[in-house]
Amino acid sequence: MHRRYNPLLLLPIFSFLLSLYSLRNGIHNRVLDRYQPSVPAKSPSFPIWEVPEPEGPLPTPIHKPTPDTPPQKIVDNFPRAAEAKSRKDLPPVPSWNRPPRKHVPEKTPIFVGFDRNWLLLQQTVVGLITAGWPPEDIYVVENTGAMDSNKKGLLSLQNAFYLDHHRLTKIFGVHVISTPTLLNFAQLQNFFLHVALKRKWEYYFWSHMDIITLADEDMEEPYKSMYMRAVDVLRETLAPGYAHDRSGREGRWSIRFFNFDWLALVNAAAYAEVGGFDTRIGFYNTDCDMYNRLEWAGFKKNDDHIGAIYDVGKTLRDLEVLYRRKPKPFEEYWMIPEKGVDVTGKWTSWYGPRKTVEPEEDERDGSGYKALKIQLQRLQDDKYSDGGAARNSWQSKQAGGQGEPYWQNPEGFERTKWMSVDLGRNIYHEKWGTWDCDLRKMGLKAEDAWRVEEYHDPEETKPEEEKPEESKPEDRQPEGEKPEENKPEEKNEESIPKQDSQPSDQQLQEPQSQQPHPESKQEDSQFKDSQPVGQSSFGGQPGRKLTSEI
């Protein structure tokens, strides 16, 4: 009888032999890999492109002179908003200017175009809000050419094109719309029109980004905020019979100016009917071209007053003052630093350390309001001082942000803009045969465009160049002289409150004029150490603001 063997007993033996074989091959392969010469890697099948270096000796570029002074440090002009987490962390709008709880039946959108200088834009937005404009009706149009860099937080405060999306939308509660690329002024105006037509807005307001609005707190009763007065103008405009032509057509109005176009109400249909702004005339004289064409088409335009609007080139030191809360003692509130003292460091609020209890609301039309009007007038006077040489000085002084996306050399950017200004002026002259703004008084009509020989007026001369010498971009002169009615009345220097004592009612008297004061050169602590943040408007006609809000 034969003994049977279980085949499973052979399995461990087989596994042991297999392990020995694998170990032998592994050691063998590692030895071969170690002592075999390495095979060079195959070169890629596609050609590698390298920029060829130029041959021979190269010339050395000769650079233009660079400024000796470093860029001025930019400091936020609204510390409380910088610390805020939500809209509740801001002071309340003055009770007499708060918009209605339920929005008025009419739509009241307002565009504020922005290209450079965040501090100036922030001042304009806060001014509109504290004058009663509902934040949800304010549309900031970012026209920086920086694409989505600001929305992603890639630019710093020192960058001229910086804009704080978060603060505008989450803290102030306004809207931000970005242009697809950098636009000139005429293109930006047409962009406003494009947005309005797309959203089916029959009309819209717009303002420059270098203004401060202030309600007339001293107006006769019944009191109304600047916003509600703008609504009254709108209702008057939309009422039957306001503007009709000889054919009986209603709605033949184009624009209602509030202190010229520093803030204005626009009829979208009228702008569309005449074809919008001529974008070939990008800056100066583009308003002359547009408004003449509107008048030729039979559209009515009016000038109205809804409150004080200041054209400024610098900012208040702390925008919290616009909320009209009771401040610290006067001598601390308006204290002017000693001459030569460095005040470019960190700013603290005028209201001292943050308190848990909101400061009490100031009195309407009280001494605080009168003092604020004086300071805003001085800001405007400062912009027009020295014959207007400082009007555009802000535009090339903010030079920070090197290395950030879409950064541009500020001097080159400014020089290019003025080259574009010259081109637009020449196009206007070619189109109408004159440098003059009032084309109607010269007998011209819309059909004369591009057909007129040069208009020879012995008293007419080409507008003087505002462009400064290349080494002095701050010396730019405004175009023409201000019209007679815009000349300010002389003010007694004794009416300006002293910084070392509580002002009397006589010291706080209201400025006689909202027009520039040629002799007002004193700078106060509100704007002493602010960087110039300048103007942004347009117009080749004397007395009008000059365009830089591209």
Protein backbone atom coordinates (compact mmCIF):
# COMPACT_ATOMS: atom_id res chain seq x y z
CA MET A 1 0.00 0.00 0.00
CA HIS A 2 1.48 3.30 -1.20
CA ARG A 3 1.39 6.46 1.01
CA ARG A 4 -0.28 9.48 -0.58
CA TYR A 5 1.37 12.97 -0.36
CA ASN A 6 -0.68 16.13 -0.07
CA PRO A 7 0.24 18.52 -2.98
CA LEU A 8 -0.30 21.51 -0.71
CA LEU A 9 2.85 20.62 1.16
CA LEU A 10 4.85 21.61 -1.94
CA LEU A 11 3.49 25.17 -1.91
CA PRO A 12 5.84 26.56 0.78
CA ILE A 13 8.84 25.05 -0.98
CA PHE A 14 7.80 26.63 -4.27
CA SER A 15 7.30 30.02 -2.66
CA PHE A 16 10.75 29.86 -1.04
CA LEU A 17 12.44 29.09 -4.35
CA LEU A 18 10.54 31.90 -6.09
CA SER A 19 11.69 34.37 -3.47
CA LEU A 20 15.30 33.38 -3.90
CA TYR A 21 15.05 33.86 -7.66
CA SER A 22 13.50 37.31 -7.33
CA LEU A 23 16.11 38.40 -4.83
CA ARG A 24 18.91 37.27 -7.15
CA ASN A 25 17.50 39.17 -10.14
CA GLY A 26 16.93 42.31 -8.07
CA ILE A 27 20.51 42.41 -6.82
CA HIS A 28 21.80 41.67 -10.28
CA ASN A 29 19.79 44.48 -11.85
CA ARG A 30 20.88 46.99 -9.23
CA VAL A 31 24.51 46.11 -9.85
CA LEU A 32 24.06 46.52 -13.58
CA ASP A 33 22.32 49.85 -13.11
CA ARG A 34 25.18 51.05 -10.93
CA TYR A 35 28.05 50.17 -13.26
CA GLN A 36 26.42 50.66 -16.66
CA PRO A 37 27.12 54.00 -18.29
CA SER A 38 24.09 56.33 -18.21
CA VAL A 39 22.28 56.92 -21.47
CA PRO A 40 21.71 60.62 -22.21
CA ALA A 41 18.08 61.73 -22.24
CA LYS A 42 16.54 62.13 -25.60
CA SER A 43 16.24 65.72 -26.75
CA PRO A 44 12.66 66.98 -27.22
CA SER A 45 11.18 66.52 -30.62
CA PHE A 46 10.07 70.20 -30.80
CA PRO A 47 12.52 73.09 -31.36
CA ILE A 48 13.41 75.29 -28.35
CA TRP A 49 13.05 79.05 -29.08
CA GLU A 50 15.52 81.40 -27.50
CA VAL A 51 15.56 85.14 -28.12
CA PRO A 52 18.79 85.81 -29.99
CA GLU A 53 21.09 88.38 -28.43
CA PRO A 54 21.98 91.29 -30.71
CA GLU A 55 25.51 91.18 -32.02
CA GLY A 56 28.16 93.83 -31.68
CA PRO A 57 28.49 96.69 -29.18
CA LEU A 58 25.16 98.21 -28.09
CA PRO A 59 24.46 101.91 -27.49
CA THR A 60 23.81 103.05 -23.93
CA PRO A 61 20.33 104.58 -23.39
CA ILE A 62 20.30 108.15 -22.14
CA HIS A 63 17.58 108.42 -19.51
CA LYS A 64 15.52 111.46 -18.72
CA PRO A 65 16.05 113.15 -15.35
CA THR A 66 14.32 111.35 -12.50
CA PRO A 67 12.71 113.14 -9.54
CA ASP A 68 15.00 113.59 -6.57
CA THR A 69 12.19 113.41 -4.03
CA PRO A 70 10.74 109.98 -3.15
CA PRO A 71 7.05 109.32 -3.81
CA GLN A 72 4.79 110.80 -1.16
CA LYS A 73 3.38 108.25 1.24
CA ILE A 74 -0.38 107.87 0.90
CA VAL A 75 -2.37 107.60 4.14
CA ASP A 76 -6.03 106.63 4.30
CA ASN A 77 -8.32 109.60 4.88
CA PHE A 78 -11.09 107.62 6.62
CA PRO A 79 -9.55 105.63 9.50
CA ARG A 80 -12.90 104.52 10.88
CA ALA A 81 -13.95 102.99 7.56
CA ALA A 82 -10.60 101.19 7.37
CA GLU A 83 -11.37 99.55 10.73
CA ALA A 84 -15.03 98.82 9.96
CA LYS A 85 -16.31 95.27 9.53
CA SER A 86 -19.74 96.26 8.22
CA ARG A 87 -21.89 99.30 7.48
CA LYS A 88 -23.01 99.34 11.11
CA ASP A 89 -19.49 100.34 12.14
CA LEU A 90 -19.77 103.68 10.32
CA PRO A 91 -21.37 106.77 11.86
CA PRO A 92 -25.03 107.27 10.94
CA VAL A 93 -25.89 109.68 8.17
CA PRO A 94 -27.03 113.03 9.60
CA SER A 95 -30.67 112.65 10.61
CA TRP A 96 -31.74 115.61 8.48
CA ASN A 97 -30.17 114.03 5.37
CA ARG A 98 -31.18 110.39 5.72
CA PRO A 99 -32.91 109.05 2.60
CA PRO A 100 -36.51 107.87 2.93
CA ARG A 101 -36.94 104.41 4.47
CA LYS A 102 -38.93 103.43 1.39
CA HIS A 103 -37.17 104.41 -1.81
CA VAL A 104 -38.81 107.14 -3.86
CA PRO A 105 -40.82 105.80 -6.85
CA GLU A 106 -38.28 107.23 -9.29
CA LYS A 107 -34.98 105.52 -10.05
CA THR A 108 -32.03 107.70 -9.06
CA PRO A 109 -28.80 105.98 -10.19
CA ILE A 110 -25.65 108.11 -10.15
CA PHE A 111 -22.36 107.23 -11.86
CA VAL A 112 -19.01 108.30 -10.42
CA GLY A 113 -16.14 107.60 -12.82
CA PHE A 114 -12.74 106.68 -11.37
CA ASP A 115 -9.32 106.32 -12.94
CA ARG A 116 -6.75 107.36 -10.31
CA ASN A 117 -6.50 108.32 -6.65
CA TRP A 118 -8.58 106.36 -4.18
CA LEU A 119 -8.64 109.07 -1.48
CA LEU A 120 -10.37 111.52 -3.77
CA LEU A 121 -12.96 108.97 -4.89
CA GLN A 122 -13.66 107.92 -1.29
CA GLN A 123 -14.26 111.55 -0.38
CA THR A 124 -16.76 111.98 -3.23
CA VAL A 125 -18.66 108.80 -2.31
CA VAL A 126 -18.84 109.68 1.39
CA GLY A 127 -19.96 113.20 0.46
CA LEU A 128 -22.84 111.85 -1.62
CA ILE A 129 -23.92 109.41 1.10
CA THR A 130 -23.87 112.03 3.87
CA ALA A 131 -25.78 114.45 1.60
CA GLY A 132 -28.58 111.89 1.50
CA TRP A 133 -27.96 109.83 -1.64
CA PRO A 134 -28.95 106.19 -1.07
CA PRO A 135 -25.78 104.07 -1.26
CA GLU A 136 -27.55 101.42 -3.34
CA ASP A 137 -28.07 104.05 -6.07
CA ILE A 138 -24.37 104.98 -6.33
CA TYR A 139 -22.38 103.26 -9.09
CA VAL A 140 -18.62 103.71 -9.04
CA VAL A 141 -17.24 103.00 -12.50
CA GLU A 142 -13.69 101.71 -12.17
CA ASN A 143 -11.85 102.89 -15.25
CA THR A 144 -8.27 102.01 -14.31
CA GLY A 145 -7.33 99.49 -17.00
CA ALA A 146 -6.17 97.18 -14.20
CA MET A 147 -8.79 94.55 -15.10
CA ASP A 148 -9.70 92.55 -11.96
CA SER A 149 -6.56 93.38 -9.97
CA ASN A 150 -8.41 95.64 -7.53
CA LYS A 151 -11.22 93.16 -7.02
CA LYS A 152 -8.63 90.50 -6.15
CA GLY A 153 -6.80 92.90 -3.83
CA LEU A 154 -3.55 92.84 -5.83
CA LEU A 155 -2.88 96.59 -5.73
CA SER A 156 -1.67 98.61 -2.76
CA LEU A 157 -2.83 101.98 -1.47
CA GLN A 158 0.36 103.55 -2.82
CA ASN A 159 -0.65 102.58 -6.37
CA ALA A 160 -2.42 105.39 -8.23
CA PHE A 161 -4.94 102.91 -9.66
CA TYR A 162 -5.82 101.35 -6.29
CA LEU A 163 -9.51 101.03 -5.46
CA ASP A 164 -10.95 99.27 -2.40
CA HIS A 165 -13.72 97.04 -3.74
CA HIS A 166 -14.50 95.60 -0.34
CA ARG A 167 -14.95 98.96 1.35
CA LEU A 168 -17.11 100.35 -1.42
CA THR A 169 -19.45 97.36 -1.65
CA LYS A 170 -19.48 95.91 1.88
CA ILE A 171 -18.84 98.95 4.08
CA PHE A 172 -20.35 101.83 2.10
CA GLY A 173 -22.90 99.66 0.28
CA VAL A 174 -22.38 101.11 -3.21
CA HIS A 175 -21.94 99.29 -6.52
CA VAL A 176 -18.74 98.93 -8.53
CA ILE A 177 -18.75 98.46 -12.31
CA SER A 178 -15.48 97.95 -14.17
CA THR A 179 -14.80 99.07 -17.73
CA PRO A 180 -13.26 96.42 -20.01
CA THR A 181 -10.16 98.57 -20.55
CA LEU A 182 -8.89 102.09 -19.92
CA LEU A 183 -11.22 104.61 -21.59
CA ASN A 184 -10.77 108.28 -22.36
CA PHE A 185 -13.33 110.76 -21.04
CA ALA A 186 -15.64 110.69 -24.07
CA GLN A 187 -15.57 106.88 -24.11
CA LEU A 188 -16.38 106.81 -20.40
CA GLN A 189 -19.40 109.05 -20.95
CA ASN A 190 -20.61 106.69 -23.65
CA PHE A 191 -20.03 103.79 -21.26
CA PHE A 192 -22.41 105.47 -18.78
CA LEU A 193 -24.94 105.71 -21.60
CA HIS A 194 -24.36 102.06 -22.56
CA VAL A 195 -25.03 100.85 -19.01
CA ALA A 196 -28.14 103.02 -18.72
CA LEU A 197 -29.62 101.75 -21.99
CA LYS A 198 -28.80 98.15 -21.14
CA ARG A 199 -30.54 98.48 -17.76
CA LYS A 200 -33.44 100.39 -19.32
CA TRP A 201 -32.77 103.56 -17.33
CA GLU A 202 -34.40 106.49 -19.11
CA TYR A 203 -32.18 108.94 -17.23
CA TYR A 204 -29.27 108.93 -14.80
CA PHE A 205 -27.14 111.24 -12.70
CA TRP A 206 -23.36 111.40 -12.85
CA SER A 207 -20.66 113.30 -11.03
CA HIS A 208 -16.95 113.92 -11.15
CA MET A 209 -14.70 112.10 -8.72
CA ASP A 210 -13.05 115.28 -7.40
CA ILE A 211 -16.04 117.02 -5.82
CA ILE A 212 -17.43 117.28 -2.30
CA THR A 213 -21.19 117.66 -1.92
CA LEU A 214 -22.70 119.38 1.09
CA ALA A 215 -26.38 119.96 1.73
CA ASP A 216 -27.57 123.51 2.37
CA GLU A 217 -28.23 123.11 6.08
CA ASP A 218 -29.09 126.80 6.29
CA MET A 219 -31.87 126.67 3.69
CA GLU A 220 -35.31 128.00 4.56
CA GLU A 221 -37.90 125.57 5.84
CA PRO A 222 -39.13 123.11 4.83
CA TYR A 223 -35.63 121.63 4.83
CA LYS A 224 -34.67 119.04 2.23
CA SER A 225 -31.47 117.09 1.74
CA MET A 226 -29.43 117.47 -1.41
CA TYR A 227 -30.75 114.11 -2.59
CA MET A 228 -34.41 115.04 -2.12
CA ARG A 229 -33.83 118.34 -3.91
CA ALA A 230 -32.33 116.35 -6.79
CA VAL A 231 -35.47 114.20 -6.78
CA ASP A 232 -37.60 117.36 -6.97
CA VAL A 233 -35.63 118.50 -10.03
CA LEU A 234 -36.09 115.07 -11.57
CA ARG A 235 -39.86 115.14 -10.98
CA GLU A 236 -40.09 118.61 -12.50
CA THR A 237 -38.14 117.38 -15.52
CA LEU A 238 -40.34 114.35 -16.07
CA ALA A 239 -43.60 116.29 -15.64
CA PRO A 240 -45.66 116.93 -18.79
CA GLY A 241 -44.94 120.24 -20.43
CA TYR A 242 -41.41 120.69 -19.10
CA ALA A 243 -39.66 120.37 -22.46
CA HIS A 244 -41.46 120.06 -25.77
CA ASP A 245 -40.46 121.28 -29.20
CA ARG A 246 -42.49 123.14 -31.83
CA SER A 247 -43.85 119.85 -33.09
CA GLY A 248 -45.30 119.14 -29.66
CA ARG A 249 -42.93 116.31 -28.83
CA GLU A 250 -42.45 115.91 -25.07
CA GLY A 251 -39.26 114.99 -23.29
CA ARG A 252 -37.01 117.22 -25.39
CA TRP A 253 -34.48 117.85 -22.62
CA SER A 254 -30.87 116.72 -22.55
CA ILE A 255 -29.19 117.60 -19.26
CA ARG A 256 -29.70 119.50 -16.04
CA PHE A 257 -26.50 120.91 -14.59
CA PHE A 258 -25.82 121.30 -10.87
CA ASN A 259 -22.92 123.74 -10.80
CA PHE A 260 -22.17 122.98 -14.43
CA ASP A 261 -21.53 119.25 -14.85
CA TRP A 262 -19.82 118.74 -11.50
CA LEU A 263 -23.03 116.82 -10.89
CA ALA A 264 -25.65 116.44 -13.61
CA LEU A 265 -28.87 114.71 -14.63
CA VAL A 266 -28.84 113.18 -18.13
CA ASN A 267 -31.61 112.15 -20.54
CA ALA A 268 -30.38 108.88 -22.03
CA ALA A 269 -32.66 109.15 -25.07
CA ALA A 270 -31.29 112.58 -25.98
CA TYR A 271 -27.68 111.41 -25.78
CA ALA A 272 -28.49 108.38 -27.89
CA GLU A 273 -30.33 110.44 -30.50
CA VAL A 274 -27.29 112.60 -31.28
CA GLY A 275 -24.91 109.63 -31.23
CA GLY A 276 -23.26 110.14 -27.86
CA PHE A 277 -19.90 111.79 -27.32
CA ASP A 278 -17.43 111.93 -30.20
CA THR A 279 -14.76 109.56 -28.87
CA ARG A 280 -12.17 110.91 -31.31
CA ILE A 281 -12.23 114.11 -29.26
CA GLY A 282 -11.26 112.27 -26.13
CA PHE A 283 -10.80 115.03 -23.55
CA TYR A 284 -10.79 118.81 -23.96
CA ASN A 285 -13.53 120.29 -26.17
CA THR A 286 -15.49 117.03 -26.23
CA ASP A 287 -18.22 118.68 -24.12
CA CYS A 288 -18.32 121.64 -26.52
CA ASP A 289 -18.92 119.24 -29.40
CA MET A 290 -21.58 117.27 -27.54
CA TYR A 291 -23.60 120.12 -26.05
CA ASN A 292 -23.69 122.05 -29.33
CA ARG A 293 -25.05 118.97 -31.10
CA LEU A 294 -27.71 118.56 -28.41
CA GLU A 295 -28.82 122.17 -28.83
CA TRP A 296 -28.89 121.85 -32.62
CA ALA A 297 -31.20 118.85 -32.15
CA GLY A 298 -33.56 121.02 -30.10
CA PHE A 299 -32.89 119.62 -26.63
CA LYS A 300 -33.30 121.85 -23.60
CA LYS A 301 -30.67 122.14 -20.86
CA ASN A 302 -30.87 123.95 -17.54
CA ASP A 303 -28.72 124.96 -14.58
CA ASP A 304 -30.08 124.19 -11.12
CA HIS A 305 -29.00 124.40 -7.49
CA ILE A 306 -29.52 121.52 -5.06
CA GLY A 307 -26.70 122.20 -2.60
CA ALA A 308 -23.06 123.18 -2.31
CA ILE A 309 -20.68 121.36 -4.67
CA TYR A 310 -16.97 122.02 -4.29
CA ASP A 311 -14.34 121.31 -6.93
CA VAL A 312 -11.30 120.24 -4.90
CA GLY A 313 -7.75 119.03 -5.45
CA LYS A 314 -7.03 117.68 -1.97
CA THR A 315 -8.90 115.73 0.65
CA LEU A 316 -10.16 116.35 4.12
CA ARG A 317 -7.86 114.75 6.65
CA ASP A 318 -10.64 112.57 8.12
CA LEU A 319 -13.89 112.06 6.25
CA GLU A 320 -15.73 111.31 9.48
CA VAL A 321 -16.35 115.05 9.78
CA LEU A 322 -18.87 114.80 6.93
CA TYR A 323 -21.15 112.70 9.17
CA ARG A 324 -21.67 115.82 11.30
CA ARG A 325 -21.02 114.40 14.76
CA LYS A 326 -19.92 116.66 17.59
CA PRO A 327 -16.13 116.81 17.43
CA LYS A 328 -13.35 117.30 19.94
CA PRO A 329 -12.62 120.83 21.20
CA PHE A 330 -12.13 123.31 18.40
CA GLU A 331 -8.45 123.96 19.07
CA GLU A 332 -7.73 120.23 18.60
CA TYR A 333 -10.21 119.83 15.75
CA TRP A 334 -8.66 122.41 13.44
CA MET A 335 -5.10 122.39 14.78
CA ILE A 336 -2.57 123.33 12.10
CA PRO A 337 0.84 121.64 12.40
CA GLU A 338 3.83 123.91 12.80
CA LYS A 339 5.62 124.72 9.56
CA GLY A 340 8.28 122.16 8.76
CA VAL A 341 6.85 119.46 11.04
CA ASP A 342 6.61 116.04 9.43
CA VAL A 343 2.95 115.10 9.53
CA THR A 344 3.01 112.24 7.04
CA GLY A 345 2.86 109.52 9.68
CA LYS A 346 -0.20 107.65 10.84
CA TRP A 347 -3.33 109.72 11.24
CA THR A 348 -5.73 109.30 14.10
CA SER A 349 -9.36 110.25 13.99
CA TRP A 350 -10.29 113.80 14.87
CA TYR A 351 -12.69 112.27 17.33
CA GLY A 352 -9.94 110.71 19.44
CA PRO A 353 -9.75 107.06 20.50
CA ARG A 354 -12.73 105.00 19.37
CA LYS A 355 -15.49 104.97 21.96
CA THR A 356 -18.20 102.42 22.48
CA VAL A 357 -20.84 105.18 22.45
CA GLU A 358 -21.37 107.07 19.19
CA PRO A 359 -20.62 110.81 19.52
CA GLU A 360 -23.72 112.95 19.69
CA GLU A 361 -25.06 114.38 16.47
CA ASP A 362 -24.07 117.96 15.81
CA GLU A 363 -26.59 120.74 15.40
CA ARG A 364 -27.88 121.41 11.90
CA ASP A 365 -26.65 124.75 10.58
CA GLY A 366 -24.55 125.25 13.70
CA SER A 367 -20.95 126.35 14.14
CA GLY A 368 -19.65 122.94 12.99
CA TYR A 369 -21.46 123.30 9.67
CA LYS A 370 -20.16 126.83 9.14
CA ALA A 371 -16.62 125.75 9.97
CA LEU A 372 -16.88 122.83 7.55
CA LYS A 373 -18.02 125.14 4.74
CA ILE A 374 -15.03 127.38 5.33
CA GLN A 375 -12.65 124.43 5.12
CA LEU A 376 -14.26 123.08 1.94
CA GLN A 377 -14.04 126.53 0.39
CA ARG A 378 -10.34 126.63 1.24
CA LEU A 379 -9.86 123.26 -0.41
CA GLN A 380 -11.40 124.63 -3.58
CA ASP A 381 -9.44 127.86 -3.33
CA ASP A 382 -6.24 125.88 -2.97
CA LYS A 383 -6.96 124.04 -6.19
CA TYR A 384 -7.26 127.31 -8.10
CA SER A 385 -4.36 129.06 -6.38
CA ASP A 386 -1.23 130.22 -8.22
CA GLY A 387 -3.23 130.89 -11.35
CA GLY A 388 -4.53 127.33 -11.41
CA ALA A 389 -1.09 125.76 -11.75
CA ALA A 390 -1.93 123.18 -9.08
CA ARG A 391 -5.13 121.95 -10.73
CA ASN A 392 -3.57 118.85 -12.26
CA SER A 393 -0.49 118.43 -10.09
CA TRP A 394 -1.95 115.39 -8.30
CA GLN A 395 -2.03 113.29 -11.44
CA SER A 396 1.68 112.48 -11.68
CA LYS A 397 2.69 112.59 -8.03
CA GLN A 398 1.38 109.22 -6.83
CA ALA A 399 4.12 106.90 -8.01
CA GLY A 400 3.95 103.87 -5.72
CA GLY A 401 3.03 100.30 -6.55
CA GLN A 402 5.99 99.34 -8.72
CA GLY A 403 5.92 95.62 -9.47
CA GLU A 404 2.16 95.31 -9.05
CA PRO A 405 -0.11 94.22 -11.93
CA TYR A 406 -0.72 96.85 -14.61
CA TRP A 407 1.57 99.38 -12.95
CA GLN A 408 2.45 102.29 -15.21
CA ASN A 409 5.11 104.91 -14.91
CA PRO A 410 3.12 107.95 -13.69
CA GLU A 411 5.14 110.48 -15.67
CA GLY A 412 4.80 108.46 -18.85
CA PHE A 413 1.10 107.94 -18.23
CA GLU A 414 0.58 111.67 -17.71
CA ARG A 415 2.64 112.65 -20.74
CA THR A 416 0.68 110.23 -22.92
CA LYS A 417 -2.61 111.66 -21.72
CA TRP A 418 -1.59 115.19 -22.68
CA MET A 419 -0.52 113.96 -26.10
CA SER A 420 -4.04 112.52 -26.44
CA VAL A 421 -5.48 115.85 -25.30
CA ASP A 422 -3.59 117.65 -28.06
CA LEU A 423 -4.79 115.13 -30.63
CA GLY A 424 -8.42 115.58 -29.56
CA ARG A 425 -8.15 119.35 -29.70
CA ASN A 426 -6.74 119.21 -33.21
CA ILE A 427 -9.53 116.87 -34.27
CA TYR A 428 -12.10 119.30 -32.86
CA HIS A 429 -10.48 122.13 -34.83
CA GLU A 430 -10.46 120.01 -37.99
CA LYS A 431 -14.13 119.11 -37.46
CA TRP A 432 -15.44 122.63 -36.84
CA GLY A 433 -12.69 124.94 -38.14
CA THR A 434 -12.28 126.69 -34.79
CA TRP A 435 -10.98 126.30 -31.25
CA ASP A 436 -14.02 128.14 -29.87
CA CYS A 437 -16.62 126.27 -27.81
CA ASP A 438 -19.74 128.23 -28.75
CA LEU A 439 -20.26 127.00 -32.30
CA ARG A 440 -23.77 128.40 -32.63
CA LYS A 441 -22.69 132.02 -32.29
CA MET A 442 -20.45 131.48 -35.30
CA GLY A 443 -23.38 130.42 -37.47
CA LEU A 444 -22.38 126.75 -37.56
CA LYS A 445 -24.88 123.91 -37.76
CA ALA A 446 -24.62 120.16 -37.28
CA GLU A 447 -24.35 119.54 -41.03
CA ASP A 448 -21.25 121.77 -41.21
CA ALA A 449 -19.09 119.18 -39.44
CA TRP A 450 -15.89 118.34 -41.34
CA ARG A 451 -16.84 120.77 -44.14
CA VAL A 452 -15.73 124.12 -42.68
CA GLU A 453 -12.63 125.99 -43.69
CA GLU A 454 -10.72 127.39 -40.75
CA TYR A 455 -12.67 130.15 -39.09
CA HIS A 456 -10.55 133.30 -39.01
CA ASP A 457 -11.37 135.53 -36.07
CA PRO A 458 -8.73 138.16 -35.29
CA GLU A 459 -9.56 137.85 -31.57
CA GLU A 460 -9.50 134.07 -31.56
CA THR A 461 -6.32 132.23 -30.70
CA LYS A 462 -5.53 128.62 -30.12
CA PRO A 463 -5.96 127.72 -26.44
CA GLU A 464 -2.71 127.97 -24.56
CA GLU A 465 -1.13 124.67 -23.71
CA GLU A 466 -1.71 123.54 -20.13
CA LYS A 467 1.05 121.00 -20.42
CA PRO A 468 3.96 121.69 -18.09
CA GLU A 469 7.60 121.35 -18.77
CA GLU A 470 8.55 117.70 -18.70
CA SER A 471 10.58 118.15 -15.54
CA LYS A 472 7.71 119.97 -13.76
CA PRO A 473 4.42 118.13 -14.21
CA GLU A 474 2.89 120.11 -11.40
CA ASP A 475 3.09 123.43 -13.23
CA ARG A 476 0.19 122.78 -15.60
CA GLN A 477 -2.04 125.77 -16.31
CA PRO A 478 -5.81 125.52 -16.77
CA GLU A 479 -7.30 126.41 -20.08
CA GLY A 480 -8.41 130.01 -20.48
CA GLU A 481 -9.56 132.32 -17.75
CA LYS A 482 -12.59 131.92 -15.59
CA PRO A 483 -15.64 133.88 -16.75
CA GLU A 484 -16.47 137.13 -15.01
CA GLU A 485 -19.32 135.63 -13.01
CA ASN A 486 -17.02 132.99 -11.57
CA LYS A 487 -14.58 135.46 -10.04
CA PRO A 488 -14.75 135.24 -6.26
CA GLU A 489 -15.59 138.02 -3.92
CA GLU A 490 -12.80 139.12 -1.67
CA LYS A 491 -12.93 137.64 1.82
CA ASN A 492 -11.65 139.15 4.99
CA GLU A 493 -8.91 136.98 6.47
CA GLU A 494 -10.38 137.80 9.89
CA SER A 495 -13.36 135.64 8.98
CA ILE A 496 -11.12 132.56 9.03
CA PRO A 497 -11.21 130.96 12.50
CA LYS A 498 -8.00 130.92 14.50
CA GLN A 499 -6.65 127.50 15.33
CA ASP A 500 -5.82 128.42 18.90
CA SER A 501 -9.22 129.59 20.15
CA GLN A 502 -12.90 128.77 19.99
CA PRO A 503 -14.41 130.58 16.95
CA SER A 504 -17.05 133.20 17.33
CA ASP A 505 -20.13 133.40 15.13
CA GLN A 506 -18.46 136.21 13.22
CA GLN A 507 -15.34 134.11 12.62
CA LEU A 508 -17.47 131.26 11.30
CA GLN A 509 -19.43 133.34 8.82
CA GLU A 510 -20.31 131.60 5.61
CA PRO A 511 -18.02 132.18 2.63
CA GLN A 512 -19.48 134.75 0.29
CA SER A 513 -18.85 132.65 -2.77
CA GLN A 514 -18.34 129.04 -3.66
CA GLN A 515 -15.94 130.06 -6.40
CA PRO A 516 -12.16 129.86 -6.10
CA HIS A 517 -10.52 132.50 -3.95
CA PRO A 518 -7.22 133.52 -5.59
CA GLU A 519 -5.61 134.67 -2.35
CA SER A 520 -6.61 131.74 -0.18
CA LYS A 521 -3.35 129.82 0.11
CA GLN A 522 -3.44 128.81 3.74
CA GLU A 523 -3.63 125.04 4.27
CA ASP A 524 -5.43 123.61 7.27
CA SER A 525 -4.91 120.43 9.22
CA GLN A 526 -7.74 118.79 7.30
CA PHE A 527 -5.71 118.75 4.13
CA LYS A 528 -2.24 120.00 5.10
CA ASP A 529 -0.64 116.62 4.73
CA SER A 530 -2.99 115.10 2.20
CA GLN A 531 -1.53 114.33 -1.15
CA PRO A 532 -2.94 116.30 -4.06
CA VAL A 533 -5.82 114.30 -5.39
CA GLY A 534 -6.96 116.66 -8.04
CA GLN A 535 -9.60 117.16 -10.58
CA SER A 536 -11.12 115.06 -13.19
CA SER A 537 -13.47 116.66 -15.63
CA PHE A 538 -13.49 118.22 -19.00
CA GLY A 539 -14.08 121.15 -21.21
CA GLY A 540 -12.21 123.48 -23.45
CA GLN A 541 -14.48 126.39 -22.66
CA PRO A 542 -13.11 128.95 -20.21
CA GLY A 543 -14.34 128.49 -16.68
CA ARG A 544 -15.05 124.80 -17.05
CA LYS A 545 -13.32 121.99 -15.30
CA LEU A 546 -10.61 120.23 -17.21
CA THR A 547 -10.76 116.61 -18.19
CA SER A 548 -8.70 113.91 -16.60
CA GLU A 549 -11.38 111.52 -15.43
CA ILE A 550 -10.68 108.97 -18.10
